[in-house]
Amino acid sequence: MKLNHIFLAFTALVGIACGALLVAKPELRDAAVMPYLWVLIAMAVFELGMYARFGGMFLSIEVRMLGFMLAVLFMAGIPFVAGSPGRLF
């Protein structure tokens, strides 16, 4: 599997996890670190791990943006579909 596919699957899982967490605990929307920053932190950890393992940056900016949009879509869509109270952002 290409690294791009692994990264996109990872960001989708991060988005699903964040969305499920926001459904379970809606008060986390008002935390010090905004939920969309959770996604950025997870992406940074993934890229730092890849840099430490392989010694280079292999993802293009397009794949990074697509992964971020995919994660935010899941993170915002899951609470919306679940009918969770509160604001999205």
Protein backbone atom coordinates (compact mmCIF):
# COMPACT_ATOMS: atom_id res chain seq x y z
CA MET A 1 0.00 0.00 0.00
CA LYS A 2 1.28 3.45 -0.82
CA LEU A 3 2.07 5.88 1.96
CA ASN A 4 -0.60 8.25 0.64
CA HIS A 5 -3.31 5.62 1.16
CA ILE A 6 -2.04 4.82 4.65
CA PHE A 7 -2.06 8.52 5.53
CA LEU A 8 -5.59 9.02 4.22
CA ALA A 9 -6.83 5.98 6.14
CA PHE A 10 -5.11 7.30 9.27
CA THR A 11 -6.73 10.73 8.94
CA ALA A 12 -10.13 9.13 8.35
CA LEU A 13 -9.72 7.11 11.54
CA VAL A 14 -8.62 10.21 13.45
CA GLY A 15 -11.68 12.09 12.17
CA ILE A 16 -14.00 9.25 13.14
CA ALA A 17 -12.42 9.02 16.60
CA CYS A 18 -12.71 12.78 17.14
CA GLY A 19 -16.32 12.79 15.94
CA ALA A 20 -17.23 9.90 18.22
CA LEU A 21 -15.52 11.63 21.13
CA LEU A 22 -17.49 14.82 20.46
CA VAL A 23 -20.73 12.84 20.43
CA ALA A 24 -19.87 11.09 23.70
CA LYS A 25 -18.64 14.25 25.45
CA PRO A 26 -20.01 17.44 23.81
CA GLU A 27 -18.32 19.62 26.44
CA LEU A 28 -14.95 18.85 24.79
CA ARG A 29 -15.85 21.39 22.08
CA ASP A 30 -15.01 24.10 24.61
CA ALA A 31 -11.62 22.61 25.58
CA ALA A 32 -8.44 24.69 25.48
CA VAL A 33 -7.35 22.90 22.30
CA MET A 34 -10.01 23.09 19.58
CA PRO A 35 -11.05 19.74 18.05
CA TYR A 36 -9.77 20.56 14.56
CA LEU A 37 -6.35 21.10 16.14
CA TRP A 38 -6.53 17.50 17.42
CA VAL A 39 -6.51 16.46 13.77
CA LEU A 40 -3.54 18.68 12.97
CA ILE A 41 -1.62 17.33 15.96
CA ALA A 42 -2.32 13.73 14.90
CA MET A 43 -1.18 14.53 11.35
CA ALA A 44 2.02 16.11 12.69
CA VAL A 45 2.72 13.05 14.83
CA PHE A 46 2.23 10.80 11.79
CA GLU A 47 4.59 12.88 9.67
CA LEU A 48 7.20 13.10 12.42
CA GLY A 49 7.04 9.32 12.74
CA MET A 50 7.52 8.91 9.01
CA TYR A 51 10.39 11.38 9.06
CA ALA A 52 12.06 9.53 11.94
CA ARG A 53 11.53 6.15 10.28
CA PHE A 54 12.45 6.94 6.68
CA GLY A 55 14.37 10.21 6.95
CA GLY A 56 12.36 12.32 4.55
CA MET A 57 9.03 13.91 3.76
CA PHE A 58 7.07 11.85 1.26
CA LEU A 59 3.59 13.38 1.29
CA SER A 60 2.58 16.11 -1.11
CA ILE A 61 0.67 19.16 0.06
CA GLU A 62 -2.38 17.93 -1.88
CA VAL A 63 -2.47 14.68 0.10
CA ARG A 64 -2.03 16.57 3.36
CA MET A 65 -4.93 18.90 2.55
CA LEU A 66 -7.13 16.04 1.39
CA GLY A 67 -6.39 14.16 4.61
CA PHE A 68 -7.20 17.23 6.71
CA MET A 69 -10.47 17.83 4.86
CA LEU A 70 -11.41 14.16 5.17
CA ALA A 71 -10.74 14.16 8.92
CA VAL A 72 -12.64 17.41 9.51
CA LEU A 73 -15.54 16.11 7.42
CA PHE A 74 -15.83 13.04 9.62
CA MET A 75 -15.23 15.04 12.80
CA ALA A 76 -18.03 17.50 11.97
CA GLY A 77 -20.33 15.06 10.17
CA ILE A 78 -20.60 12.41 12.86
CA PRO A 79 -21.93 14.79 15.58
CA PHE A 80 -24.25 16.41 13.02
CA VAL A 81 -25.73 13.07 11.93
CA ALA A 82 -25.94 11.89 15.55
CA GLY A 83 -27.87 15.01 16.50
CA SER A 84 -25.38 16.01 19.15
CA PRO A 85 -26.22 19.35 20.76
CA GLY A 86 -23.92 22.31 20.51
CA ARG A 87 -21.95 24.16 17.89
CA LEU A 88 -19.70 22.44 15.40
CA PHE A 89 -16.78 24.91 15.54
